[in-house]
C-alpha atoms as a PDB file:
ATOM      1  CA  MET A   1      -0.300  -3.325  10.062  1.00  0.00           C
ATOM      2  CA  THR A   2       0.117   0.300  10.860  1.00  0.00           C
ATOM      3  CA  ARG A   3      -1.990   3.259   9.477  1.00  0.00           C
ATOM      4  CA  LEU A   4      -0.105   6.352   9.197  1.00  0.00           C
ATOM      5  CA  ASP A   5      -1.807   9.722   9.280  1.00  0.00           C
ATOM      6  CA  PRO A   6       0.089  11.562   6.571  1.00  0.00           C
ATOM      7  CA  LEU A   7       0.022  15.135   8.081  1.00  0.00           C
ATOM      8  CA  HIS A   8       2.492  13.640  11.187  1.00  0.00           C
ATOM      9  CA  LYS A   9       5.919  13.000  10.357  1.00  0.00           C
ATOM     10  CA  THR A  10       7.020   9.916  10.748  1.00  0.00           C
ATOM     11  CA  GLU A  11      10.392   7.678  10.104  1.00  0.00           C
ATOM     12  CA  HIS A  12       8.828   7.282   5.992  1.00  0.00           C
ATOM     13  CA  PRO A  13       6.761  10.193   5.312  1.00  0.00           C
ATOM     14  CA  ALA A  14       4.311   9.399   2.852  1.00  0.00           C
ATOM     15  CA  HIS A  15       5.405  12.549   0.227  1.00  0.00           C
ATOM     16  CA  ARG A  16       8.920  11.234   0.166  1.00  0.00           C
ATOM     17  CA  LEU A  17       8.228   7.860  -0.711  1.00  0.00           C
ATOM     18  CA  ASN A  18       8.503   6.238  -4.774  1.00  0.00           C
ATOM     19  CA  TRP A  19       4.861   5.610  -5.312  1.00  0.00           C
ATOM     20  CA  ARG A  20       4.293   2.765  -7.886  1.00  0.00           C
ATOM     21  CA  THR A  21       0.651   1.779  -9.429  1.00  0.00           C
ATOM     22  CA  SER A  22      -0.661  -1.696 -10.860  1.00  0.00           C
ATOM     23  CA  THR A  23      -0.106  -2.104 -14.464  1.00  0.00           C
ATOM     24  CA  HIS A  24      -3.486  -3.798 -14.269  1.00  0.00           C
ATOM     25  CA  CYS A  25      -5.251  -0.446 -12.869  1.00  0.00           C
ATOM     26  CA  ASP A  26      -7.505   0.516 -15.216  1.00  0.00           C
ATOM     27  CA  ASP A  27      -8.584   3.661 -17.085  1.00  0.00           C
ATOM     28  CA  THR A  28     -10.891   4.533 -13.883  1.00  0.00           C
ATOM     29  CA  HIS A  29      -7.258   5.009 -11.930  1.00  0.00           C
ATOM     30  CA  GLU A  30      -9.224   3.874  -8.912  1.00  0.00           C
ATOM     31  CA  CYS A  31      -6.064   1.559  -7.849  1.00  0.00           C
ATOM     32  CA  VAL A  32      -4.058   1.306  -4.701  1.00  0.00           C
ATOM     33  CA  GLU A  33       0.114   2.370  -4.733  1.00  0.00           C
ATOM     34  CA  LEU A  34       2.782   0.456  -3.593  1.00  0.00           C
ATOM     35  CA  ALA A  35       6.260   1.929  -2.242  1.00  0.00           C
ATOM     36  CA  ALA A  36       9.023   0.296  -0.324  1.00  0.00           C
ATOM     37  CA  ALA A  37       9.224   2.212   3.123  1.00  0.00           C
ATOM     38  CA  HIS A  38      12.379   0.833   5.605  1.00  0.00           C
ATOM     39  CA  GLN A  39      11.459  -2.465   6.212  1.00  0.00           C
ATOM     40  CA  ALA A  40       7.830  -2.199   4.946  1.00  0.00           C
ATOM     41  CA  VAL A  41       5.416  -1.831   2.013  1.00  0.00           C
ATOM     42  CA  ALA A  42       3.494   1.168   2.002  1.00  0.00           C
ATOM     43  CA  VAL A  43       0.246   1.311   0.807  1.00  0.00           C
ATOM     44  CA  ARG A  44      -2.547   4.004  -0.485  1.00  0.00           C
ATOM     45  CA  ASP A  45      -5.452   4.752  -2.396  1.00  0.00           C
ATOM     46  CA  SER A  46      -4.424   6.334  -5.399  1.00  0.00           C
ATOM     47  CA  THR A  47      -7.646   8.710  -5.866  1.00  0.00           C
ATOM     48  CA  ASP A  48      -6.421  10.252  -2.584  1.00  0.00           C
ATOM     49  CA  PRO A  49      -2.682  10.651  -2.621  1.00  0.00           C
ATOM     50  CA  ALA A  50      -2.476  12.663   0.561  1.00  0.00           C
ATOM     51  CA  GLY A  51      -5.146  10.188   2.480  1.00  0.00           C
ATOM     52  CA  PRO A  52      -3.816   7.599   5.089  1.00  0.00           C
ATOM     53  CA  VAL A  53      -1.214   4.902   4.320  1.00  0.00           C
ATOM     54  CA  ILE A  54      -1.103   1.795   5.444  1.00  0.00           C
ATOM     55  CA  THR A  55       2.236   0.315   6.203  1.00  0.00           C
ATOM     56  CA  ALA A  56       3.097  -3.841   6.775  1.00  0.00           C
ATOM     57  CA  ALA A  57       6.369  -5.438   7.347  1.00  0.00           C
ATOM     58  CA  VAL A  58       7.899  -7.175   4.526  1.00  0.00           C
ATOM     59  CA  PRO A  59       7.005 -10.468   5.775  1.00  0.00           C
ATOM     60  CA  HIS A  60       3.629  -9.634   6.874  1.00  0.00           C
ATOM     61  CA  TRP A  61       3.241  -8.382   3.242  1.00  0.00           C
ATOM     62  CA  ARG A  62       4.385 -11.421   1.718  1.00  0.00           C
ATOM     63  CA  THR A  63       2.501 -13.406   3.824  1.00  0.00           C
ATOM     64  CA  LEU A  64      -0.813 -11.058   2.461  1.00  0.00           C
ATOM     65  CA  LEU A  65       0.440 -11.539  -1.379  1.00  0.00           C
ATOM     66  CA  ASN A  66       0.529 -15.642  -1.003  1.00  0.00           C
ATOM     67  CA  GLN A  67      -3.001 -15.202   0.448  1.00  0.00           C
ATOM     68  CA  ILE A  68      -4.229 -13.566  -1.823  1.00  0.00           C
ATOM     69  CA  LYS A  69      -2.813 -15.575  -4.824  1.00  0.00           C
ATOM     70  CA  ARG A  70      -4.572 -18.656  -3.398  1.00  0.00           C
ATOM     71  CA  GLY A  71      -7.532 -17.268  -3.107  1.00  0.00           C
ATOM     72  CA  ASP A  72      -8.129 -16.691   0.632  1.00  0.00           C
ATOM     73  CA  HIS A  73      -9.810 -13.771   0.068  1.00  0.00           C
ATOM     74  CA  ASP A  74     -12.045 -13.914  -3.080  1.00  0.00           C
ATOM     75  CA  LEU A  75     -15.588 -12.646  -1.939  1.00  0.00           C
ATOM     76  CA  PRO A  76     -17.622 -15.519  -2.020  1.00  0.00           C
END
């Protein structure tokens, strides 16, 4: 995964992406937001849209999602 600094221009600046918030987000709106970037998925904190953005290549993102669904990253 790559961390992007939104103050520096990159090949997919965060302010140009179409961000989506999970439908499972509660009333606090403390959620993650996702956006499709060029051959990657971008992730940011919904409470800090100008903050850091993490990107993952699509195959790595799919692997992470499958691991989450299996419970590989659940807390004890």
